[in-house]
Amino acid sequence: MSSEIREAESWVEKGDENVKHESFKEAIECYTKSIAINPQAAYAHFKRGTTLMAVKKFKESIRDFTNTITLNPNFSFAHFKRGSSYLEVGNYNDALKDFNEAIEQNPDFYFAFYKRALAKQGLKQYQEALADYQRTLELNETYTLAFQQRGNIQFMLKKYDEAISDYSKVIQLTPKDPKSYISRGITYGNQKKFKEAISDYTKAVSIDPQSYLAFNYRGMIYSKMRDFDKALIDYNQVIKIKPDHEEAYNNRGIAHFATKRYELAIGDYTKAISFNRKNPNYYYNRANANFNTKDFIAAIADYTEAVNIEPKFFAAFFGRANANANLARHKEAIKDFSKALAQNNKLLGAYIGRGNAYMKMRYYKKALEDYTLAIELNPDYAQSYLNRGVTFRQMKEDKDAADDFNDYLRLKPNDESSDRIRKWLNKMDFTVKY
């Protein structure tokens, strides 16, 4: 053995020693000196590439693994490592090629099947990814990451029973890991199995009392169950553990809003916005709270911010239209109701709201058109008949008004307006059918 080769190997050994002590910078320097002495040593390139991966310098590691493969094309682990680095930088196609090569050279390399599944997942080849996770588990039936990732795909594909089965397997293998309980809890929640979801989140926080995610998700389930007092306790716990958790403030705001504590809701939505000024839902939620306090100007400002961020946010246009209507800004209301309907032509309230605005402006024919569209959309919604009947009466078309008022009475025979309508029908000599 020449003295140069011995020196090169000595630097590799020093690099290995530094790696053991996690002195990665020094290790990279040692491997670099080895390569400078003996550029043909594939293992030096490989070890430097592996160390570069450890410090998350993935692009540099790819170059070293490429050199390794050039020097030793049959080095399956080098293909695996380069594929893993490609995976880290989001280059799924090249990662796939390397994992294919690693598997071809070593057909029982279960970790390569797992990583190839991740690459296919990144390419949205979900069925192919599921097949690779299955192969991974055939080679290693206790590999929990494969169960977890397969469960994630099943969840995304809305195959909730299959996802629960995979998450349950992870829990069986690692019963002290709170993450799997959270994943299964989310899945139960999507199935509206709220008791099971709460049980899983409760287990997660018993394992890890600092699991703010479990508290947050459990709070969301309590909110869905209309148990807002328990939801608020959980959201408070999230904020105590993680004071910058924007979603917890938003969720707590929703709970306050549901219990008509609008000022508290506004405070929470404002806090969420302070952490994230690009989320249109936070502005929309605060707008709704401002609307309910009758601060329509503030509501309009927030609805406007929401649609500036998300121009297709039809609910925000609808909300802003109603706020404008409350300020008697009927032209602006009509524009916003129209924008909401352009994106959702099944929005019953928008037809009625726009019809009301046309009525205020005495555009009776346009109001009739909107009320008629509302009736076509939902023939059992009484308010549409009442509003159209009033419009016909304004137009002196009393027979049509009487027909609509009778339809209203059919649907709302004991409403506060019913007696007044019957008196009008009698006065005008029309039959009172209900």
Protein backbone atom coordinates (compact mmCIF):
# COMPACT_ATOMS: atom_id res chain seq x y z
CA MET A 1 0.00 0.00 0.00
CA SER A 2 1.45 3.39 -1.02
CA SER A 3 2.00 6.08 1.58
CA GLU A 4 -0.56 8.35 -0.17
CA ILE A 5 -3.31 5.74 0.07
CA ARG A 6 -2.47 5.12 3.73
CA GLU A 7 -2.63 8.87 4.40
CA ALA A 8 -5.96 9.13 2.59
CA GLU A 9 -7.37 6.27 4.68
CA SER A 10 -6.04 7.91 7.81
CA TRP A 11 -8.05 11.05 7.05
CA VAL A 12 -11.15 8.90 6.52
CA GLU A 13 -10.61 7.29 9.92
CA LYS A 14 -10.28 10.74 11.50
CA GLY A 15 -13.46 11.79 9.75
CA ASP A 16 -15.25 8.71 11.09
CA GLU A 17 -14.11 9.56 14.60
CA ASN A 18 -15.44 13.09 14.26
CA VAL A 19 -18.78 11.74 13.05
CA LYS A 20 -19.04 9.58 16.18
CA HIS A 21 -18.76 12.76 18.25
CA GLU A 22 -21.12 14.65 15.90
CA SER A 23 -18.34 17.01 14.92
CA PHE A 24 -19.63 17.11 11.37
CA LYS A 25 -17.76 20.18 10.13
CA GLU A 26 -14.45 18.65 11.14
CA ALA A 27 -15.49 15.30 9.65
CA ILE A 28 -16.24 16.93 6.29
CA GLU A 29 -12.84 18.60 6.34
CA CYS A 30 -11.15 15.24 6.98
CA TYR A 31 -13.02 13.50 4.15
CA THR A 32 -12.19 16.41 1.85
CA LYS A 33 -8.47 16.00 2.61
CA SER A 34 -8.76 12.27 1.91
CA ILE A 35 -10.42 12.95 -1.46
CA ALA A 36 -7.76 15.50 -2.36
CA ILE A 37 -5.11 12.84 -1.82
CA ASN A 38 -7.02 9.97 -3.46
CA PRO A 39 -9.92 11.20 -5.67
CA GLN A 40 -10.64 7.60 -6.76
CA ALA A 41 -11.70 6.45 -3.27
CA ALA A 42 -15.46 5.96 -3.63
CA TYR A 43 -16.00 5.41 0.09
CA ALA A 44 -14.52 8.87 0.93
CA HIS A 45 -16.98 10.57 -1.41
CA PHE A 46 -19.76 8.45 0.06
CA LYS A 47 -18.89 9.29 3.66
CA ARG A 48 -18.60 12.98 2.95
CA GLY A 49 -21.96 12.87 1.17
CA THR A 50 -23.53 11.11 4.15
CA THR A 51 -22.11 13.71 6.53
CA LEU A 52 -23.32 16.54 4.32
CA MET A 53 -26.79 14.99 4.55
CA ALA A 54 -26.51 15.05 8.34
CA VAL A 55 -26.03 18.84 8.22
CA LYS A 56 -28.82 19.17 5.63
CA LYS A 57 -26.57 20.20 2.76
CA PHE A 58 -28.43 18.00 0.36
CA LYS A 59 -27.35 19.54 -2.94
CA GLU A 60 -23.70 19.12 -1.99
CA SER A 61 -24.34 15.56 -0.85
CA ILE A 62 -25.89 14.73 -4.25
CA ARG A 63 -22.60 15.66 -5.94
CA ASP A 64 -20.66 13.35 -3.64
CA PHE A 65 -23.04 10.43 -4.13
CA THR A 66 -22.88 11.00 -7.90
CA ASN A 67 -19.07 10.75 -7.68
CA THR A 68 -19.43 7.61 -5.60
CA ILE A 69 -21.73 6.01 -8.20
CA THR A 70 -19.42 7.04 -11.03
CA LEU A 71 -16.57 5.27 -9.26
CA ASN A 72 -18.70 2.30 -8.16
CA PRO A 73 -21.95 1.89 -10.18
CA ASN A 74 -22.98 -1.19 -8.15
CA PHE A 75 -22.97 0.62 -4.82
CA SER A 76 -26.72 0.25 -4.10
CA PHE A 77 -26.56 2.24 -0.86
CA ALA A 78 -25.07 5.21 -2.73
CA HIS A 79 -28.11 5.16 -5.05
CA PHE A 80 -30.32 4.99 -1.97
CA LYS A 81 -28.54 7.91 -0.31
CA ARG A 82 -28.61 10.07 -3.44
CA GLY A 83 -32.29 9.24 -3.86
CA SER A 84 -32.88 10.30 -0.26
CA SER A 85 -31.15 13.63 -0.90
CA TYR A 86 -33.19 14.16 -4.06
CA LEU A 87 -36.26 13.46 -1.95
CA GLU A 88 -35.25 16.14 0.55
CA VAL A 89 -34.97 18.81 -2.17
CA GLY A 90 -38.27 17.78 -3.78
CA ASN A 91 -36.76 16.22 -6.91
CA TYR A 92 -39.06 13.22 -6.87
CA ASN A 93 -38.37 12.00 -10.41
CA ASP A 94 -34.62 11.63 -9.90
CA ALA A 95 -35.23 10.19 -6.44
CA LEU A 96 -37.47 7.56 -8.02
CA LYS A 97 -34.76 6.57 -10.49
CA ASP A 98 -32.23 6.08 -7.71
CA PHE A 99 -34.58 4.06 -5.53
CA ASN A 100 -35.42 1.87 -8.55
CA GLU A 101 -31.71 1.22 -9.02
CA ALA A 102 -31.16 0.50 -5.33
CA ILE A 103 -34.05 -1.98 -5.32
CA GLU A 104 -32.87 -3.65 -8.52
CA GLN A 105 -29.46 -4.20 -6.93
CA ASN A 106 -30.95 -5.24 -3.58
CA PRO A 107 -34.57 -6.53 -3.90
CA ASP A 108 -34.96 -7.00 -0.12
CA PHE A 109 -33.99 -3.43 0.76
CA TYR A 110 -37.23 -2.54 2.57
CA PHE A 111 -36.14 1.00 3.41
CA ALA A 112 -35.65 1.68 -0.32
CA PHE A 113 -39.25 0.57 -0.96
CA TYR A 114 -40.37 2.92 1.80
CA LYS A 115 -38.43 5.87 0.37
CA ARG A 116 -39.61 5.05 -3.16
CA ALA A 117 -43.17 5.17 -1.83
CA LEU A 118 -42.47 8.67 -0.47
CA ALA A 119 -41.20 9.75 -3.89
CA LYS A 120 -44.30 8.34 -5.58
CA GLN A 121 -46.41 10.09 -2.98
CA GLY A 122 -44.67 13.35 -3.89
CA LEU A 123 -45.55 12.67 -7.54
CA LYS A 124 -49.17 11.97 -6.51
CA GLN A 125 -48.87 8.37 -7.67
CA TYR A 126 -50.89 7.22 -4.69
CA GLN A 127 -51.81 3.70 -5.73
CA GLU A 128 -48.20 2.94 -6.66
CA ALA A 129 -47.07 4.39 -3.32
CA LEU A 130 -49.55 2.17 -1.47
CA ALA A 131 -48.09 -0.86 -3.26
CA ASP A 132 -44.58 0.11 -2.12
CA TYR A 133 -45.70 0.60 1.48
CA GLN A 134 -47.28 -2.84 1.29
CA ARG A 135 -44.00 -4.32 0.01
CA THR A 136 -42.12 -2.50 2.78
CA LEU A 137 -44.34 -4.16 5.38
CA GLU A 138 -43.99 -7.56 3.78
CA LEU A 139 -40.24 -7.21 4.24
CA ASN A 140 -40.52 -5.64 7.71
CA GLU A 141 -43.91 -6.13 9.34
CA THR A 142 -43.09 -3.90 12.31
CA TYR A 143 -41.97 -0.83 10.37
CA THR A 144 -44.29 1.77 11.88
CA LEU A 145 -43.43 4.61 9.48
CA ALA A 146 -44.85 2.58 6.59
CA PHE A 147 -48.12 2.02 8.46
CA GLN A 148 -48.27 5.73 9.32
CA GLN A 149 -47.63 6.94 5.78
CA ARG A 150 -49.97 4.37 4.27
CA GLY A 151 -52.61 5.54 6.73
CA ASN A 152 -52.00 9.13 5.63
CA ILE A 153 -52.64 8.23 2.00
CA GLN A 154 -55.76 6.27 2.90
CA PHE A 155 -56.98 9.29 4.88
CA MET A 156 -56.32 11.60 1.95
CA LEU A 157 -58.23 9.22 -0.34
CA LYS A 158 -61.07 9.28 2.23
CA LYS A 159 -60.67 5.57 2.91
CA TYR A 160 -61.11 6.23 6.59
CA ASP A 161 -61.59 2.65 7.79
CA GLU A 162 -58.34 1.61 6.11
CA ALA A 163 -56.56 4.63 7.58
CA ILE A 164 -57.82 3.79 11.06
CA SER A 165 -56.58 0.23 10.65
CA ASP A 166 -53.08 1.49 9.81
CA TYR A 167 -52.99 4.04 12.62
CA SER A 168 -54.21 1.37 15.03
CA LYS A 169 -51.31 -0.84 13.98
CA VAL A 170 -48.87 1.97 14.75
CA ILE A 171 -50.50 2.40 18.16
CA GLN A 172 -50.21 -1.33 18.79
CA LEU A 173 -46.50 -1.24 17.95
CA THR A 174 -45.71 2.09 19.67
CA PRO A 175 -48.43 2.68 22.29
CA LYS A 176 -46.55 5.59 23.87
CA ASP A 177 -46.41 7.70 20.72
CA PRO A 178 -49.08 10.43 20.87
CA LYS A 179 -48.85 11.29 17.15
CA SER A 180 -50.67 8.16 16.03
CA TYR A 181 -53.51 8.78 18.46
CA ILE A 182 -53.84 12.27 16.98
CA SER A 183 -53.89 10.90 13.42
CA ARG A 184 -56.53 8.34 14.31
CA GLY A 185 -58.51 10.98 16.20
CA ILE A 186 -58.58 13.22 13.14
CA THR A 187 -59.84 10.29 11.07
CA TYR A 188 -62.57 9.47 13.58
CA GLY A 189 -63.53 13.14 13.51
CA ASN A 190 -63.97 13.02 9.73
CA GLN A 191 -66.28 10.05 10.24
CA LYS A 192 -68.21 12.07 12.84
CA LYS A 193 -67.29 9.49 15.44
CA PHE A 194 -66.74 12.21 18.00
CA LYS A 195 -66.56 10.04 21.12
CA GLU A 196 -63.80 7.91 19.61
CA ALA A 197 -61.94 11.03 18.47
CA ILE A 198 -62.09 12.58 21.94
CA SER A 199 -60.87 9.31 23.44
CA ASP A 200 -57.81 9.34 21.16
CA TYR A 201 -56.98 13.00 21.81
CA THR A 202 -57.38 12.42 25.54
CA LYS A 203 -54.96 9.49 25.32
CA ALA A 204 -52.50 11.67 23.42
CA VAL A 205 -52.49 14.39 26.10
CA SER A 206 -52.17 11.78 28.84
CA ILE A 207 -48.97 10.58 27.14
CA ASP A 208 -47.74 14.08 26.39
CA PRO A 209 -49.38 16.86 28.46
CA GLN A 210 -47.59 19.41 26.24
CA SER A 211 -49.26 18.13 23.05
CA TYR A 212 -50.93 21.37 22.00
CA LEU A 213 -52.08 19.73 18.78
CA ALA A 214 -54.12 17.14 20.69
CA PHE A 215 -55.71 19.85 22.85
CA ASN A 216 -56.50 21.93 19.76
CA TYR A 217 -58.07 19.04 17.86
CA ARG A 218 -60.04 17.93 20.90
CA GLY A 219 -61.32 21.48 21.29
CA MET A 220 -62.49 21.40 17.68
CA ILE A 221 -64.43 18.20 18.32
CA TYR A 222 -66.04 19.67 21.42
CA SER A 223 -67.04 22.68 19.29
CA LYS A 224 -68.65 20.38 16.72
CA MET A 225 -70.55 18.77 19.59
CA ARG A 226 -71.67 22.27 20.72
CA ASP A 227 -69.90 21.73 24.04
CA PHE A 228 -68.21 25.11 23.92
CA ASP A 229 -67.23 25.28 27.58
CA LYS A 230 -65.00 22.22 27.18
CA ALA A 231 -63.74 23.53 23.85
CA LEU A 232 -62.68 26.79 25.50
CA ILE A 233 -60.79 24.90 28.21
CA ASP A 234 -58.81 23.05 25.54
CA TYR A 235 -58.09 26.16 23.49
CA ASN A 236 -56.89 27.94 26.62
CA GLN A 237 -54.53 25.04 27.24
CA VAL A 238 -53.16 25.26 23.69
CA ILE A 239 -52.45 28.96 24.12
CA LYS A 240 -50.82 28.33 27.50
CA ILE A 241 -48.48 25.75 25.95
CA LYS A 242 -47.91 27.60 22.69
CA PRO A 243 -48.82 31.30 22.94
CA ASP A 244 -48.18 31.93 19.23
CA HIS A 245 -50.56 29.23 17.97
CA GLU A 246 -52.69 31.32 15.62
CA GLU A 247 -55.24 28.58 14.91
CA ALA A 248 -56.03 28.19 18.61
CA TYR A 249 -56.93 31.89 18.85
CA ASN A 250 -59.13 31.56 15.78
CA ASN A 251 -60.78 28.43 17.15
CA ARG A 252 -61.34 30.04 20.53
CA GLY A 253 -62.85 33.00 18.73
CA ILE A 254 -65.27 30.65 16.97
CA ALA A 255 -66.31 29.20 20.34
CA HIS A 256 -66.83 32.69 21.79
CA PHE A 257 -68.82 33.68 18.68
CA ALA A 258 -71.05 30.60 19.00
CA THR A 259 -71.86 31.61 22.58
CA LYS A 260 -72.54 35.23 21.48
CA ARG A 261 -69.51 36.64 23.27
CA TYR A 262 -68.67 38.74 20.25
CA GLU A 263 -66.19 41.14 21.84
CA LEU A 264 -64.11 38.23 23.11
CA ALA A 265 -64.32 36.64 19.67
CA ILE A 266 -63.08 39.86 18.05
CA GLY A 267 -60.13 39.92 20.45
CA ASP A 268 -59.16 36.36 19.55
CA TYR A 269 -59.52 36.88 15.80
CA THR A 270 -57.39 40.02 16.10
CA LYS A 271 -54.72 38.00 17.87
CA ALA A 272 -54.80 35.34 15.13
CA ILE A 273 -54.44 38.06 12.48
CA SER A 274 -51.44 39.51 14.33
CA PHE A 275 -49.66 36.19 13.74
CA ASN A 276 -50.86 35.70 10.16
CA ARG A 277 -52.13 38.59 8.05
CA LYS A 278 -52.57 36.41 4.96
CA ASN A 279 -55.34 34.10 6.17
CA PRO A 280 -58.68 35.31 4.74
CA ASN A 281 -60.70 33.20 7.19
CA TYR A 282 -59.45 35.19 10.18
CA TYR A 283 -60.66 38.46 8.64
CA TYR A 284 -63.94 36.85 7.61
CA ASN A 285 -64.54 35.53 11.11
CA ARG A 286 -63.76 38.90 12.68
CA ALA A 287 -66.05 40.57 10.15
CA ASN A 288 -68.91 38.31 11.23
CA ALA A 289 -68.30 39.18 14.87
CA ASN A 290 -68.19 42.90 14.06
CA PHE A 291 -71.40 42.48 12.07
CA ASN A 292 -73.10 40.97 15.11
CA THR A 293 -72.06 43.94 17.24
CA LYS A 294 -73.59 46.14 14.50
CA ASP A 295 -70.22 47.68 13.71
CA PHE A 296 -70.92 47.41 10.00
CA ILE A 297 -68.08 49.71 8.93
CA ALA A 298 -65.51 47.51 10.67
CA ALA A 299 -67.22 44.43 9.23
CA ILE A 300 -66.98 45.83 5.69
CA ALA A 301 -63.27 46.54 6.17
CA ASP A 302 -62.63 42.95 7.24
CA TYR A 303 -64.79 41.40 4.50
CA THR A 304 -62.86 43.54 2.03
CA GLU A 305 -59.54 42.30 3.38
CA ALA A 306 -60.78 38.72 3.08
CA VAL A 307 -61.72 39.08 -0.61
CA ASN A 308 -58.50 40.96 -1.36
CA ILE A 309 -56.61 37.89 -0.15
CA GLU A 310 -59.04 35.37 -1.66
CA PRO A 311 -60.98 36.88 -4.60
CA LYS A 312 -63.27 33.82 -4.84
CA PHE A 313 -64.41 34.02 -1.23
CA PHE A 314 -68.14 34.22 -2.03
CA ALA A 315 -69.20 34.10 1.64
CA ALA A 316 -67.18 37.27 2.28
CA PHE A 317 -68.90 39.04 -0.63
CA PHE A 318 -72.24 37.90 0.81
CA GLY A 319 -71.30 39.17 4.26
CA ARG A 320 -70.14 42.52 2.90
CA ALA A 321 -73.37 42.82 0.92
CA ASN A 322 -75.41 42.36 4.08
CA ALA A 323 -73.29 44.90 5.94
CA ASN A 324 -73.80 47.41 3.13
CA ALA A 325 -77.53 46.68 3.15
CA ASN A 326 -77.65 47.48 6.87
CA LEU A 327 -76.06 50.84 6.09
CA ALA A 328 -78.66 51.44 3.33
CA ARG A 329 -75.86 51.31 0.73
CA HIS A 330 -78.09 49.42 -1.64
CA LYS A 331 -76.04 49.80 -4.84
CA GLU A 332 -72.95 48.44 -3.12
CA ALA A 333 -75.03 45.62 -1.62
CA ILE A 334 -76.39 44.66 -5.04
CA LYS A 335 -72.87 44.53 -6.50
CA ASP A 336 -71.66 42.25 -3.71
CA PHE A 337 -74.70 39.97 -3.80
CA SER A 338 -74.07 39.64 -7.55
CA LYS A 339 -70.40 38.80 -6.99
CA ALA A 340 -71.36 36.14 -4.46
CA LEU A 341 -73.90 34.64 -6.88
CA ALA A 342 -71.39 34.67 -9.73
CA GLN A 343 -69.35 32.20 -7.70
CA ASN A 344 -72.22 30.30 -6.08
CA ASN A 345 -75.54 30.47 -7.92
CA LYS A 346 -77.23 28.33 -5.26
CA LEU A 347 -76.90 30.97 -2.55
CA LEU A 348 -80.52 31.45 -1.51
CA GLY A 349 -79.83 34.33 0.88
CA ALA A 350 -78.08 36.29 -1.86
CA TYR A 351 -81.14 36.21 -4.14
CA ILE A 352 -83.35 37.37 -1.29
CA GLY A 353 -80.84 40.00 -0.15
CA ARG A 354 -80.40 41.37 -3.66
CA GLY A 355 -84.16 41.32 -4.14
CA ASN A 356 -84.58 43.31 -0.93
CA ALA A 357 -82.01 45.86 -2.12
CA TYR A 358 -83.82 46.23 -5.44
CA MET A 359 -87.06 46.72 -3.50
CA LYS A 360 -85.51 49.52 -1.46
CA MET A 361 -84.53 51.19 -4.72
CA ARG A 362 -88.01 50.53 -6.18
CA TYR A 363 -86.66 48.32 -8.94
CA TYR A 364 -89.66 46.07 -8.52
CA LYS A 365 -89.24 43.91 -11.62
CA LYS A 366 -85.67 43.07 -10.71
CA ALA A 367 -86.76 42.29 -7.16
CA LEU A 368 -89.45 39.94 -8.53
CA GLU A 369 -86.84 38.14 -10.63
CA ASP A 370 -84.66 37.51 -7.59
CA TYR A 371 -87.48 36.36 -5.33
CA THR A 372 -88.68 34.03 -8.09
CA LEU A 373 -85.20 32.56 -8.44
CA ALA A 374 -85.12 32.07 -4.67
CA ILE A 375 -88.46 30.22 -4.82
CA GLU A 376 -87.21 28.01 -7.66
CA LEU A 377 -84.13 27.22 -5.59
CA ASN A 378 -86.14 26.35 -2.47
CA PRO A 379 -89.95 26.19 -2.89
CA ASP A 380 -90.38 25.61 0.85
CA TYR A 381 -88.72 28.79 2.06
CA ALA A 382 -91.55 30.99 3.25
CA GLN A 383 -89.75 34.34 3.30
CA SER A 384 -89.38 34.32 -0.49
CA TYR A 385 -93.16 34.18 -0.96
CA LEU A 386 -93.69 36.94 1.59
CA ASN A 387 -91.16 39.22 -0.06
CA ARG A 388 -92.46 38.57 -3.56
CA GLY A 389 -96.03 39.09 -2.34
CA VAL A 390 -95.09 42.46 -0.89
CA THR A 391 -93.45 43.37 -4.21
CA PHE A 392 -96.56 42.41 -6.17
CA ARG A 393 -98.65 44.52 -3.79
CA GLN A 394 -96.36 47.51 -4.36
CA MET A 395 -96.92 47.01 -8.09
CA LYS A 396 -100.72 46.87 -7.51
CA GLU A 397 -100.82 43.29 -8.77
CA ASP A 398 -103.02 42.17 -5.90
CA LYS A 399 -104.07 38.78 -7.29
CA ASP A 400 -100.43 37.63 -7.59
CA ALA A 401 -99.72 39.09 -4.17
CA ALA A 402 -102.64 37.12 -2.70
CA ASP A 403 -101.35 33.88 -4.22
CA ASP A 404 -97.90 34.43 -2.67
CA PHE A 405 -99.35 35.41 0.70
CA ASN A 406 -101.38 32.20 0.77
CA ASP A 407 -98.24 30.21 0.01
CA TYR A 408 -96.57 31.99 2.89
CA LEU A 409 -99.49 31.08 5.18
CA ARG A 410 -99.24 27.47 4.01
CA LEU A 411 -95.66 27.34 5.19
CA LYS A 412 -95.94 29.68 8.21
CA PRO A 413 -99.58 29.54 9.43
CA ASN A 414 -98.77 30.82 12.91
CA ASP A 415 -96.02 33.33 12.18
CA GLU A 416 -96.19 36.85 13.63
CA SER A 417 -97.01 38.19 10.17
CA SER A 418 -99.77 35.64 9.51
CA ASP A 419 -102.69 37.51 11.15
CA ARG A 420 -101.78 40.74 9.37
CA ILE A 421 -101.69 38.91 6.04
CA ARG A 422 -105.09 37.29 6.68
CA LYS A 423 -106.59 40.69 7.48
CA TRP A 424 -105.28 42.08 4.20
CA LEU A 425 -106.63 39.12 2.22
CA ASN A 426 -110.05 39.54 3.83
CA LYS A 427 -110.03 43.26 3.24
CA MET A 428 -109.22 42.72 -0.43
CA ASP A 429 -111.89 39.97 -0.76
CA PHE A 430 -109.35 37.22 -1.51
CA THR A 431 -109.78 33.68 -0.21
CA VAL A 432 -107.76 32.86 2.89
CA LYS A 433 -106.65 29.30 2.20
CA TYR A 434 -104.73 28.67 5.40
